[in-house]
Amino acid sequence: MLLVTTFGRYLTKQFTRSILGVFGTFFFLIGTLDFVELMRRAGDSPAATTPLIVQLALFRVPSVAEQIFPFAVLFGGMFALLTLSRKLELVVARSVGVSAWQFLQPAAVVAGAIGLVSILIYNPVAAELKRKATALETRLFVRGAATSNSPEIWLRQRSIDGQAIIRAAGSLPEGNGLANVAIFSFSPGGGFSERVDARQAVLHPGYWELTDARVVSAMEEPQSYKTYLLATTLEPEQMRQSFTPPEAVGFWAMPSVIERTQRAGLDTTRYELRYQSLLARPLLLVAMVLVAASVSLRFFRFGGVTKLVIAGVAAGFVLYVATQLSEELGSSGIVNPVVAAWLPAAIGAMLGALALLHQEDG
C-alpha cells in the first residue's frame, strides 16, 4: 500500500501543494481582474465607494474561482509529476518496482478529497457569498425595478383556483415581487378563467397582492382594482430562488430547493443539473489527474516533453469544453441532467486510464 508509506505521504504532500498553489494563483488573478473591472464601473455610481468595491470583489471571487478547480488539478498534477520526473524521483521509484498506477494513487486521492471539500464546504460558502454579492451589486449599480434590457420573467403556479401563467418585466428590488405583470389564470378543468394586468405584484404567504390591477374575463366586463388578491402556493423564498441562478444555491440547500420548486410546478432542470454536476466533480478531478499523468510521465532525457505538455493542456481544455457543452444540452432539456453531468467525467476518466494503459502496459 503506497499511500501509507513514507514515499506515499511525500507524493501526497507534493500533489496537494502543487494543486493548491495553482488554485491560489488563479484565485488571486481572478480577484485582481474583477476588482479592476468593478472600479471601472464604480465611476458611474456615486454609491460605489472603494471599501464597498473591495467587499463586492471578495464576495464575487469564490464563485467565479470555483469553475477553475478542474484546471487547478490538471496544471497542478502536471507540475508535480514533471517536477518529480525532472528530479529523477520517478525513475528511482520505477527501479524499485513502483508502477505508475501506484504513485498515481496519492494524486487521485488528493483530487477526490479536493472535490469533496469543494462541494461540501467551499460550494455552500461561495453560494452564500454570491447571493450577498448580487444584493450588493444591485444596490450599487442597478437603478429602478426593471431595466429595459432585462429579460422577461415567466412563472407557472398552482393554487386552489387552478393553474396560472405569470409574465413579468422584471423583479422588484426587494426581491419579494414582480413589476409590470400579466397573469393568465385557468380553471381546475383547464379552461381559461381570466387575465390580470398589474403594475406590480407582491408575494405574501398564500397570495399575490396586485397593485393597479385590470381584470379581463370571458364572463364579465373588464374591471379595475386598486388592490387585487390572487391565491398561490408559491412561497416568497421559493420565488426569490426561481430568480437565483443555480450557482447561487449551495450544495446542502439544493435538494430542498428542487423539492419545493417541483411542488410549485416550476422547472427544476437547471437545479438538478447543477446538483448532479457537483456530485460528479470528484470524478471529474480524478479524470483531470489521469489526463495530466498521461502526458507527464515521460522522462526528460527522452525529449518531447514540451509537446506532451501542450497536448495535455489541450486535452484538459477539450474535456472542459465537452463538460460545458454537455451541461448546455442538459439545461435545455435535450439530455437528461444525470447523463449530462456524469458522462463527460466518466468518459474523461476512461480515456485517461486508456492512455495510461497504452503508455505503461503497451
Protein backbone atom coordinates (compact mmCIF):
# COMPACT_ATOMS: atom_id res chain seq x y z
CA MET A 1 0.00 0.00 0.00
CA LEU A 2 1.87 3.06 -1.26
CA LEU A 3 -0.37 5.61 0.48
CA VAL A 4 0.76 4.67 3.98
CA THR A 5 4.46 4.58 3.15
CA THR A 6 6.87 7.46 3.52
CA PHE A 7 7.06 7.84 -0.25
CA GLY A 8 3.26 7.83 -0.48
CA ARG A 9 2.98 10.60 2.09
CA TYR A 10 5.67 12.54 0.25
CA LEU A 11 3.75 12.26 -3.05
CA THR A 12 0.52 13.28 -1.35
CA LYS A 13 2.22 16.39 0.02
CA GLN A 14 3.68 17.28 -3.37
CA PHE A 15 0.38 16.92 -5.22
CA THR A 16 -1.55 18.84 -2.57
CA ARG A 17 0.95 21.69 -2.56
CA SER A 18 1.01 21.94 -6.37
CA ILE A 19 -2.77 21.87 -6.84
CA LEU A 20 -3.50 24.36 -4.06
CA GLY A 21 -0.68 26.59 -5.30
CA VAL A 22 -2.15 26.72 -8.81
CA PHE A 23 -5.64 27.33 -7.44
CA GLY A 24 -4.37 30.12 -5.18
CA THR A 25 -2.63 31.79 -8.11
CA PHE A 26 -5.77 31.67 -10.24
CA PHE A 27 -7.84 32.92 -7.29
CA PHE A 28 -5.60 35.95 -6.86
CA LEU A 29 -5.60 36.78 -10.58
CA ILE A 30 -9.38 36.50 -10.83
CA GLY A 31 -9.85 38.70 -7.78
CA THR A 32 -7.46 41.34 -9.12
CA LEU A 33 -9.09 41.49 -12.56
CA ASP A 34 -12.58 41.58 -11.07
CA PHE A 35 -11.60 44.42 -8.73
CA VAL A 36 -10.21 46.45 -11.64
CA GLU A 37 -13.42 45.91 -13.63
CA LEU A 38 -15.60 46.90 -10.67
CA MET A 39 -13.55 50.04 -10.12
CA ARG A 40 -14.15 50.97 -13.75
CA ARG A 41 -17.91 50.53 -13.27
CA ALA A 42 -17.82 52.45 -10.00
CA GLY A 43 -17.22 55.69 -11.88
CA ASP A 44 -20.89 55.73 -12.91
CA SER A 45 -22.27 55.10 -9.41
CA PRO A 46 -21.84 57.63 -6.57
CA ALA A 47 -22.74 54.94 -4.00
CA ALA A 48 -19.86 52.66 -5.08
CA THR A 49 -17.09 53.59 -2.65
CA THR A 50 -13.72 51.83 -2.62
CA PRO A 51 -14.43 49.77 0.56
CA LEU A 52 -17.72 48.55 -0.93
CA ILE A 53 -16.00 47.66 -4.20
CA VAL A 54 -13.37 45.66 -2.32
CA GLN A 55 -16.13 43.89 -0.39
CA LEU A 56 -18.06 43.15 -3.59
CA ALA A 57 -14.95 41.75 -5.28
CA LEU A 58 -14.26 39.48 -2.32
CA PHE A 59 -17.86 38.25 -2.41
CA ARG A 60 -17.74 37.50 -6.15
CA VAL A 61 -14.36 35.80 -6.47
CA PRO A 62 -15.09 32.45 -4.71
CA SER A 63 -17.99 31.64 -7.03
CA VAL A 64 -16.00 32.50 -10.16
CA ALA A 65 -12.90 30.68 -8.93
CA GLU A 66 -14.96 27.54 -8.30
CA GLN A 67 -15.04 26.97 -12.05
CA ILE A 68 -11.27 26.60 -12.27
CA PHE A 69 -10.94 23.59 -9.92
CA PRO A 70 -10.52 21.20 -12.91
CA PHE A 71 -7.73 23.34 -14.37
CA ALA A 72 -6.05 23.68 -10.97
CA VAL A 73 -5.96 19.89 -10.67
CA LEU A 74 -4.78 19.48 -14.28
CA PHE A 75 -1.97 22.05 -14.10
CA GLY A 76 -1.06 21.19 -10.51
CA GLY A 77 -0.88 17.48 -11.31
CA MET A 78 1.24 18.10 -14.40
CA PHE A 79 3.58 20.40 -12.47
CA ALA A 80 4.03 17.88 -9.64
CA LEU A 81 4.66 14.94 -11.98
CA LEU A 82 7.07 16.89 -14.19
CA THR A 83 8.97 18.07 -11.12
CA LEU A 84 9.26 14.51 -9.81
CA SER A 85 10.37 13.31 -13.23
CA ARG A 86 12.93 16.10 -13.63
CA LYS A 87 14.45 15.21 -10.24
CA LEU A 88 14.55 11.53 -11.31
CA GLU A 89 12.43 10.58 -8.31
CA LEU A 90 10.02 8.70 -10.56
CA VAL A 91 12.96 6.89 -12.17
CA VAL A 92 14.09 5.69 -8.75
CA ALA A 93 10.54 4.69 -7.85
CA ARG A 94 10.19 2.64 -11.03
CA SER A 95 13.58 0.99 -10.44
CA VAL A 96 12.37 -0.43 -7.11
CA GLY A 97 9.18 -1.79 -8.65
CA VAL A 98 6.68 1.03 -8.06
CA SER A 99 4.35 1.23 -11.06
CA ALA A 100 2.69 4.35 -12.44
CA TRP A 101 -0.64 3.17 -11.06
CA GLN A 102 0.82 3.06 -7.56
CA PHE A 103 2.38 6.51 -7.49
CA LEU A 104 -0.78 7.94 -9.04
CA GLN A 105 -2.80 6.75 -6.04
CA PRO A 106 -1.88 9.81 -3.94
CA ALA A 107 -2.77 12.16 -6.82
CA ALA A 108 -6.17 10.50 -7.31
CA VAL A 109 -6.88 10.57 -3.57
CA VAL A 110 -5.87 14.23 -3.32
CA ALA A 111 -8.04 15.16 -6.33
CA GLY A 112 -11.03 13.25 -4.94
CA ALA A 113 -10.57 14.83 -1.50
CA ILE A 114 -10.35 18.31 -3.01
CA GLY A 115 -13.51 17.56 -4.99
CA LEU A 116 -15.37 16.50 -1.84
CA VAL A 117 -14.20 19.53 0.13
CA SER A 118 -15.15 21.81 -2.76
CA ILE A 119 -18.76 20.57 -2.86
CA LEU A 120 -19.32 20.03 0.87
CA ILE A 121 -17.65 23.17 2.26
CA TYR A 122 -16.36 25.51 -0.44
CA ASN A 123 -19.51 25.50 -2.60
CA PRO A 124 -22.01 26.44 0.16
CA VAL A 125 -19.74 29.30 1.27
CA ALA A 126 -19.25 30.50 -2.32
CA ALA A 127 -23.01 30.33 -3.00
CA GLU A 128 -23.82 32.37 0.08
CA LEU A 129 -21.21 34.98 -0.84
CA LYS A 130 -22.60 35.09 -4.39
CA ARG A 131 -26.07 35.89 -3.05
CA LYS A 132 -24.61 38.68 -0.94
CA ALA A 133 -22.63 39.92 -3.94
CA THR A 134 -25.77 40.01 -6.09
CA ALA A 135 -27.65 42.02 -3.48
CA LEU A 136 -24.75 44.43 -3.01
CA GLU A 137 -24.20 44.81 -6.75
CA THR A 138 -27.89 45.56 -7.25
CA ARG A 139 -27.75 48.22 -4.56
CA LEU A 140 -24.65 49.84 -6.05
CA PHE A 141 -25.21 49.65 -9.79
CA VAL A 142 -28.85 48.84 -10.62
CA ARG A 143 -31.41 51.61 -10.67
CA GLY A 144 -35.12 51.02 -10.83
CA ALA A 145 -37.20 47.87 -10.56
CA ALA A 146 -36.64 46.55 -14.05
CA THR A 147 -34.35 47.77 -16.76
CA SER A 148 -35.36 47.92 -20.36
CA ASN A 149 -32.80 45.30 -21.38
CA SER A 150 -33.58 42.84 -18.57
CA PRO A 151 -35.12 39.55 -19.71
CA GLU A 152 -38.77 38.84 -19.03
CA ILE A 153 -39.66 36.55 -16.14
CA TRP A 154 -42.05 33.65 -16.65
CA LEU A 155 -43.57 31.61 -13.82
CA ARG A 156 -46.15 28.87 -13.58
CA GLN A 157 -48.08 28.28 -10.38
CA ARG A 158 -50.75 26.00 -8.97
CA SER A 159 -53.39 27.01 -6.44
CA ILE A 160 -56.87 26.06 -5.24
CA ASP A 161 -58.30 28.11 -8.11
CA GLY A 162 -56.34 26.20 -10.78
CA GLN A 163 -53.15 26.99 -12.68
CA ALA A 164 -51.79 30.34 -13.75
CA ILE A 165 -49.00 31.57 -16.03
CA ILE A 166 -47.26 34.75 -14.90
CA ARG A 167 -45.24 37.04 -17.12
CA ALA A 168 -43.32 39.99 -15.67
CA ALA A 169 -40.96 42.62 -16.99
CA GLY A 170 -38.64 42.13 -14.02
CA SER A 171 -38.42 41.63 -10.28
CA LEU A 172 -38.75 44.27 -7.59
CA PRO A 173 -35.52 45.49 -5.96
CA GLU A 174 -36.53 43.90 -2.65
CA GLY A 175 -36.82 40.50 -4.36
CA ASN A 176 -40.31 39.88 -2.98
CA GLY A 177 -42.37 40.65 -6.07
CA LEU A 178 -42.66 41.38 -9.77
CA ALA A 179 -43.03 44.52 -11.86
CA ASN A 180 -45.42 45.03 -14.81
CA VAL A 181 -47.10 41.63 -14.58
CA ALA A 182 -49.64 39.83 -16.73
CA ILE A 183 -51.31 36.77 -15.18
CA PHE A 184 -53.27 34.24 -17.25
CA SER A 185 -55.46 32.14 -14.96
CA PHE A 186 -57.04 28.81 -15.83
CA SER A 187 -59.75 26.86 -14.02
CA PRO A 188 -59.04 23.43 -12.47
CA GLY A 189 -60.57 21.90 -15.59
CA GLY A 190 -58.05 23.66 -17.83
CA GLY A 191 -60.32 26.33 -19.31
CA PHE A 192 -59.30 29.99 -19.49
CA SER A 193 -60.58 31.94 -16.50
CA GLU A 194 -59.21 35.50 -16.56
CA ARG A 195 -56.29 37.75 -17.38
CA VAL A 196 -54.95 40.18 -14.82
CA ASP A 197 -52.58 43.04 -15.69
CA ALA A 198 -51.00 44.94 -12.81
CA ARG A 199 -48.28 47.48 -12.19
CA GLN A 200 -46.66 45.22 -9.62
CA ALA A 201 -47.32 42.01 -7.70
CA VAL A 202 -46.00 41.42 -4.19
CA LEU A 203 -45.92 37.84 -2.94
CA HIS A 204 -47.25 37.09 0.53
CA PRO A 205 -47.70 33.65 2.12
CA GLY A 206 -50.63 32.13 0.22
CA TYR A 207 -51.49 35.00 -2.12
CA TRP A 208 -50.30 37.68 -4.55
CA GLU A 209 -51.13 41.30 -3.79
CA LEU A 210 -51.56 43.06 -7.14
CA THR A 211 -51.47 46.85 -7.36
CA ASP A 212 -53.39 48.85 -10.01
CA ALA A 213 -54.84 45.69 -11.50
CA ARG A 214 -57.13 45.34 -14.50
CA VAL A 215 -59.07 42.06 -14.76
CA VAL A 216 -60.44 40.73 -18.03
CA SER A 217 -62.55 37.55 -18.09
CA ALA A 218 -64.78 35.79 -20.59
CA MET A 219 -67.90 36.15 -18.42
CA GLU A 220 -67.72 39.76 -17.16
CA GLU A 221 -66.85 43.26 -18.25
CA PRO A 222 -63.26 44.39 -17.59
CA GLN A 223 -62.79 45.57 -14.03
CA SER A 224 -60.11 47.78 -12.45
CA TYR A 225 -58.93 47.37 -8.86
CA LYS A 226 -56.56 49.38 -6.74
CA THR A 227 -55.62 46.13 -4.96
CA TYR A 228 -56.39 42.62 -6.18
CA LEU A 229 -55.58 39.34 -4.40
CA LEU A 230 -54.76 36.09 -6.19
CA ALA A 231 -54.24 32.73 -4.45
CA THR A 232 -50.92 30.93 -4.87
CA THR A 233 -48.86 28.09 -3.44
CA LEU A 234 -45.59 29.87 -4.13
CA GLU A 235 -43.51 30.91 -1.15
CA PRO A 236 -41.51 34.18 -1.04
CA GLU A 237 -38.25 32.29 -0.60
CA GLN A 238 -39.22 29.98 -3.43
CA MET A 239 -39.86 32.88 -5.77
CA ARG A 240 -36.55 34.51 -4.92
CA GLN A 241 -34.79 31.24 -5.66
CA SER A 242 -36.55 30.97 -9.01
CA PHE A 243 -34.73 34.19 -9.99
CA THR A 244 -31.49 32.95 -8.45
CA PRO A 245 -29.04 31.15 -10.73
CA PRO A 246 -28.21 27.59 -9.65
CA GLU A 247 -24.64 28.70 -8.91
CA ALA A 248 -26.00 30.82 -6.05
CA VAL A 249 -27.65 27.82 -4.34
CA GLY A 250 -25.36 25.83 -2.06
CA PHE A 251 -24.90 22.08 -2.24
CA TRP A 252 -26.69 21.36 1.04
CA ALA A 253 -29.68 23.57 0.15
CA MET A 254 -30.09 22.19 -3.38
CA PRO A 255 -32.29 19.12 -2.60
CA SER A 256 -34.83 21.19 -0.66
CA VAL A 257 -34.86 23.86 -3.38
CA ILE A 258 -35.52 21.21 -6.02
CA GLU A 259 -38.31 19.66 -3.95
CA ARG A 260 -40.06 22.97 -3.27
CA THR A 261 -39.71 24.07 -6.87
CA GLN A 262 -41.22 20.81 -8.11
CA ARG A 263 -44.10 21.16 -5.66
CA ALA A 264 -44.82 24.61 -7.07
CA GLY A 265 -44.88 23.27 -10.64
CA LEU A 266 -41.76 25.18 -11.76
CA ASP A 267 -38.96 23.83 -13.94
CA THR A 268 -36.13 22.29 -11.92
CA THR A 269 -33.85 21.18 -14.76
CA ARG A 270 -31.14 23.76 -14.11
CA TYR A 271 -31.03 22.97 -10.38
CA GLU A 272 -30.97 19.22 -10.96
CA LEU A 273 -28.15 19.63 -13.46
CA ARG A 274 -26.16 21.79 -11.07
CA TYR A 275 -26.67 19.28 -8.24
CA GLN A 276 -25.55 16.34 -10.37
CA SER A 277 -22.56 18.36 -11.67
CA LEU A 278 -21.45 18.96 -8.09
CA LEU A 279 -21.79 15.26 -7.28
CA ALA A 280 -19.72 14.40 -10.37
CA ARG A 281 -16.95 16.89 -9.57
CA PRO A 282 -14.68 14.46 -7.65
CA LEU A 283 -14.75 12.07 -10.62
CA LEU A 284 -14.02 14.96 -13.00
CA LEU A 285 -11.00 15.98 -10.93
CA VAL A 286 -9.72 12.39 -10.90
CA ALA A 287 -10.14 12.37 -14.69
CA MET A 288 -8.00 15.51 -14.86
CA VAL A 289 -5.30 13.71 -12.84
CA LEU A 290 -5.33 10.82 -15.32
CA VAL A 291 -5.08 13.27 -18.23
CA ALA A 292 -2.18 15.03 -16.52
CA ALA A 293 -0.43 11.72 -15.87
CA SER A 294 -0.82 10.53 -19.45
CA VAL A 295 1.36 13.42 -20.68
CA SER A 296 3.70 13.97 -17.72
CA LEU A 297 5.40 10.64 -17.10
CA ARG A 298 7.87 10.78 -19.98
CA PHE A 299 11.49 11.00 -18.87
CA PHE A 300 13.18 14.29 -19.67
CA ARG A 301 16.16 12.60 -21.31
CA PHE A 302 13.84 11.14 -23.97
CA GLY A 303 12.82 14.64 -25.09
CA GLY A 304 9.44 15.70 -26.45
CA VAL A 305 8.19 16.81 -23.04
CA THR A 306 7.05 20.22 -24.30
CA LYS A 307 4.83 18.68 -26.96
CA LEU A 308 3.29 16.33 -24.43
CA VAL A 309 2.59 19.19 -22.02
CA ILE A 310 0.88 21.17 -24.78
CA ALA A 311 -1.12 18.05 -25.69
CA GLY A 312 -2.14 17.65 -22.03
CA VAL A 313 -3.29 21.24 -21.76
CA ALA A 314 -5.27 20.84 -24.99
CA ALA A 315 -6.84 17.60 -23.75
CA GLY A 316 -7.84 19.28 -20.50
CA PHE A 317 -9.49 22.16 -22.35
CA VAL A 318 -11.28 19.74 -24.66
CA LEU A 319 -12.64 17.86 -21.63
CA TYR A 320 -13.72 21.13 -20.03
CA VAL A 321 -15.45 22.29 -23.23
CA ALA A 322 -17.16 18.91 -23.53
CA THR A 323 -18.38 19.29 -19.95
CA GLN A 324 -19.78 22.76 -20.65
CA LEU A 325 -21.43 21.57 -23.88
CA SER A 326 -23.00 18.63 -22.10
CA GLU A 327 -24.33 20.93 -19.37
CA GLU A 328 -25.83 23.22 -22.01
CA LEU A 329 -27.61 20.26 -23.56
CA GLY A 330 -28.80 19.20 -20.13
CA SER A 331 -30.06 22.65 -19.14
CA SER A 332 -32.05 22.90 -22.37
CA GLY A 333 -33.74 19.57 -21.67
CA ILE A 334 -32.22 17.75 -24.64
CA VAL A 335 -30.20 15.40 -22.42
CA ASN A 336 -31.14 14.01 -19.02
CA PRO A 337 -29.42 16.07 -16.26
CA VAL A 338 -27.83 12.97 -14.70
CA VAL A 339 -26.36 11.89 -18.04
CA ALA A 340 -25.25 15.44 -18.91
CA ALA A 341 -23.43 15.84 -15.58
CA TRP A 342 -21.74 12.43 -15.28
CA LEU A 343 -20.98 11.47 -18.88
CA PRO A 344 -18.04 13.88 -19.56
CA ALA A 345 -16.35 12.99 -16.26
CA ALA A 346 -16.80 9.26 -16.85
CA ILE A 347 -15.55 9.41 -20.45
CA GLY A 348 -12.60 11.62 -19.44
CA ALA A 349 -11.59 9.16 -16.71
CA MET A 350 -11.86 6.17 -19.05
CA LEU A 351 -9.88 7.88 -21.82
CA GLY A 352 -7.18 8.95 -19.35
CA ALA A 353 -6.94 5.41 -17.98
CA LEU A 354 -6.82 4.03 -21.52
CA ALA A 355 -3.96 6.37 -22.44
CA LEU A 356 -2.03 5.30 -19.34
CA LEU A 357 -2.65 1.62 -20.06
CA HIS A 358 -1.33 2.04 -23.56
CA GLN A 359 1.67 4.03 -22.33
CA GLU A 360 2.59 1.86 -19.35
CA ASP A 361 1.44 -1.64 -20.29
CA GLY A 362 1.55 -1.45 -24.07
